[in-house]
Amino acid sequence: SNIGFEWRLHIIDSWDTRYKELIRYANEFGNTRVPQKYAQNPRLGHWVCNQRHKYKKFQNGITSCGISTDQIQQLSNIGFEWRIQSSASWIDLTRSEEMIKKSQVGITSCSKKKEFEFSC
């Protein structure tokens, strides 16, 4: 039975919500490299990862992958990084990423290079 709920509108609202959250994250941290397991907003980390996966499919000719050219443009306009190295050295992390790292795995006094996994 049709109760009048349109799923497509819900998906668009959800995308727009995450996009706005990403803009806030970028304004706060200076980048769009949301960790996949971002403790302050796990949905955003998951969403960012999904956008990269969908974009990769789109680039491989699968245009029904769930991301539109308009969404790709919107993300590109805010400096979205479509490809991110899977890890960065502990020394090279920006201050914001270092704070996220510490909040997720605890502070380390080790001077060795540590690896930090970004989303995707």
Protein backbone atom coordinates (compact mmCIF):
# COMPACT_ATOMS: atom_id res chain seq x y z
CA SER A 1 0.00 0.00 0.00
CA ASN A 2 1.20 3.48 -0.83
CA ILE A 3 1.15 5.83 2.15
CA GLY A 4 2.52 8.76 0.20
CA PHE A 5 6.11 8.66 1.46
CA GLU A 6 8.65 9.42 -1.25
CA TRP A 7 11.95 7.64 -0.59
CA ARG A 8 13.84 9.72 -3.14
CA LEU A 9 13.14 12.91 -1.21
CA HIS A 10 14.40 11.28 1.99
CA ILE A 11 17.64 10.27 0.22
CA ILE A 12 18.15 13.79 -1.11
CA ASP A 13 17.47 15.30 2.33
CA SER A 14 19.94 12.87 3.87
CA TRP A 15 22.61 13.75 1.28
CA ASP A 16 22.05 17.46 1.81
CA THR A 17 22.26 16.99 5.59
CA ARG A 18 25.60 15.17 5.36
CA TYR A 19 26.90 17.70 2.82
CA LYS A 20 26.14 20.55 5.25
CA GLU A 21 27.84 18.59 8.05
CA LEU A 22 30.87 18.15 5.80
CA ILE A 23 31.00 21.90 5.17
CA ARG A 24 30.95 22.50 8.93
CA TYR A 25 33.71 19.91 9.39
CA ALA A 26 35.81 21.57 6.67
CA ASN A 27 35.30 24.98 8.26
CA GLU A 28 36.40 23.62 11.64
CA PHE A 29 39.34 21.42 10.56
CA GLY A 30 40.39 23.02 7.27
CA ASN A 31 39.92 19.89 5.15
CA THR A 32 37.36 17.29 4.09
CA ARG A 33 39.36 14.27 5.29
CA VAL A 34 36.79 12.99 7.77
CA PRO A 35 38.05 9.79 9.41
CA GLN A 36 35.86 6.83 8.55
CA LYS A 37 35.36 6.18 12.26
CA TYR A 38 34.90 9.82 13.26
CA ALA A 39 33.73 9.55 16.87
CA GLN A 40 31.95 12.92 16.92
CA ASN A 41 29.80 12.04 13.89
CA PRO A 42 30.08 8.40 12.73
CA ARG A 43 27.44 8.91 10.02
CA LEU A 44 29.51 11.66 8.41
CA GLY A 45 32.63 9.48 8.30
CA HIS A 46 30.65 6.66 6.71
CA TRP A 47 28.98 9.04 4.26
CA VAL A 48 32.30 10.55 3.13
CA CYS A 49 33.66 7.07 2.51
CA ASN A 50 30.57 6.18 0.49
CA GLN A 51 30.92 9.30 -1.66
CA ARG A 52 34.46 8.26 -2.59
CA HIS A 53 33.35 4.73 -3.44
CA LYS A 54 30.44 6.01 -5.54
CA TYR A 55 32.71 8.46 -7.33
CA LYS A 56 35.19 5.71 -8.17
CA LYS A 57 32.35 3.67 -9.70
CA PHE A 58 31.16 6.77 -11.57
CA GLN A 59 34.68 7.30 -12.96
CA ASN A 60 34.63 3.67 -14.13
CA GLY A 61 31.49 4.30 -16.19
CA ILE A 62 28.88 3.08 -13.71
CA THR A 63 26.66 6.16 -13.76
CA SER A 64 23.88 4.48 -11.76
CA CYS A 65 26.17 4.27 -8.72
CA GLY A 66 24.17 6.66 -6.54
CA ILE A 67 26.06 9.93 -7.03
CA SER A 68 25.02 12.59 -9.51
CA THR A 69 27.20 14.95 -11.51
CA ASP A 70 25.62 17.79 -9.51
CA GLN A 71 26.65 16.15 -6.22
CA ILE A 72 30.16 15.55 -7.56
CA GLN A 73 30.36 19.23 -8.50
CA GLN A 74 29.08 20.37 -5.10
CA LEU A 75 31.68 18.27 -3.32
CA SER A 76 34.45 19.40 -5.67
CA ASN A 77 33.46 23.03 -5.07
CA ILE A 78 34.27 22.72 -1.35
CA GLY A 79 37.63 21.05 -2.01
CA PHE A 80 36.50 17.47 -1.44
CA GLU A 81 39.45 15.12 -1.80
CA TRP A 82 38.28 12.25 -3.97
CA ARG A 83 41.44 10.22 -3.42
CA ILE A 84 43.17 10.02 -0.09
CA GLN A 85 46.19 7.99 0.85
CA SER A 86 45.09 5.20 3.15
CA SER A 87 47.39 6.44 5.88
CA ALA A 88 49.55 9.37 6.88
CA SER A 89 52.49 9.49 9.19
CA TRP A 90 51.87 10.62 12.75
CA ILE A 91 54.38 13.42 12.31
CA ASP A 92 52.62 14.81 9.22
CA LEU A 93 49.15 14.99 10.75
CA THR A 94 47.63 18.41 11.10
CA ARG A 95 46.72 19.52 14.58
CA SER A 96 43.04 18.69 14.06
CA GLU A 97 43.81 15.21 12.79
CA GLU A 98 46.17 14.67 15.70
CA MET A 99 43.39 15.61 18.11
CA ILE A 100 41.04 13.14 16.42
CA LYS A 101 43.71 10.45 16.57
CA LYS A 102 44.26 11.03 20.28
CA SER A 103 40.55 10.93 21.03
CA GLN A 104 40.11 7.65 19.17
CA VAL A 105 43.11 5.61 20.28
CA GLY A 106 44.51 7.41 23.30
CA ILE A 107 47.54 9.64 23.59
CA THR A 108 50.87 8.06 22.80
CA SER A 109 54.28 9.15 24.01
CA CYS A 110 56.00 7.03 21.39
CA SER A 111 58.14 9.00 18.94
CA LYS A 112 57.87 6.33 16.24
CA LYS A 113 55.74 7.06 13.22
CA LYS A 114 52.15 5.99 13.75
CA GLU A 115 49.66 5.26 11.01
CA PHE A 116 46.24 6.91 10.93
CA GLU A 117 43.51 5.52 8.74
CA PHE A 118 41.40 8.11 6.93
CA SER A 119 38.05 7.33 5.46
CA CYS A 120 38.53 5.29 2.32
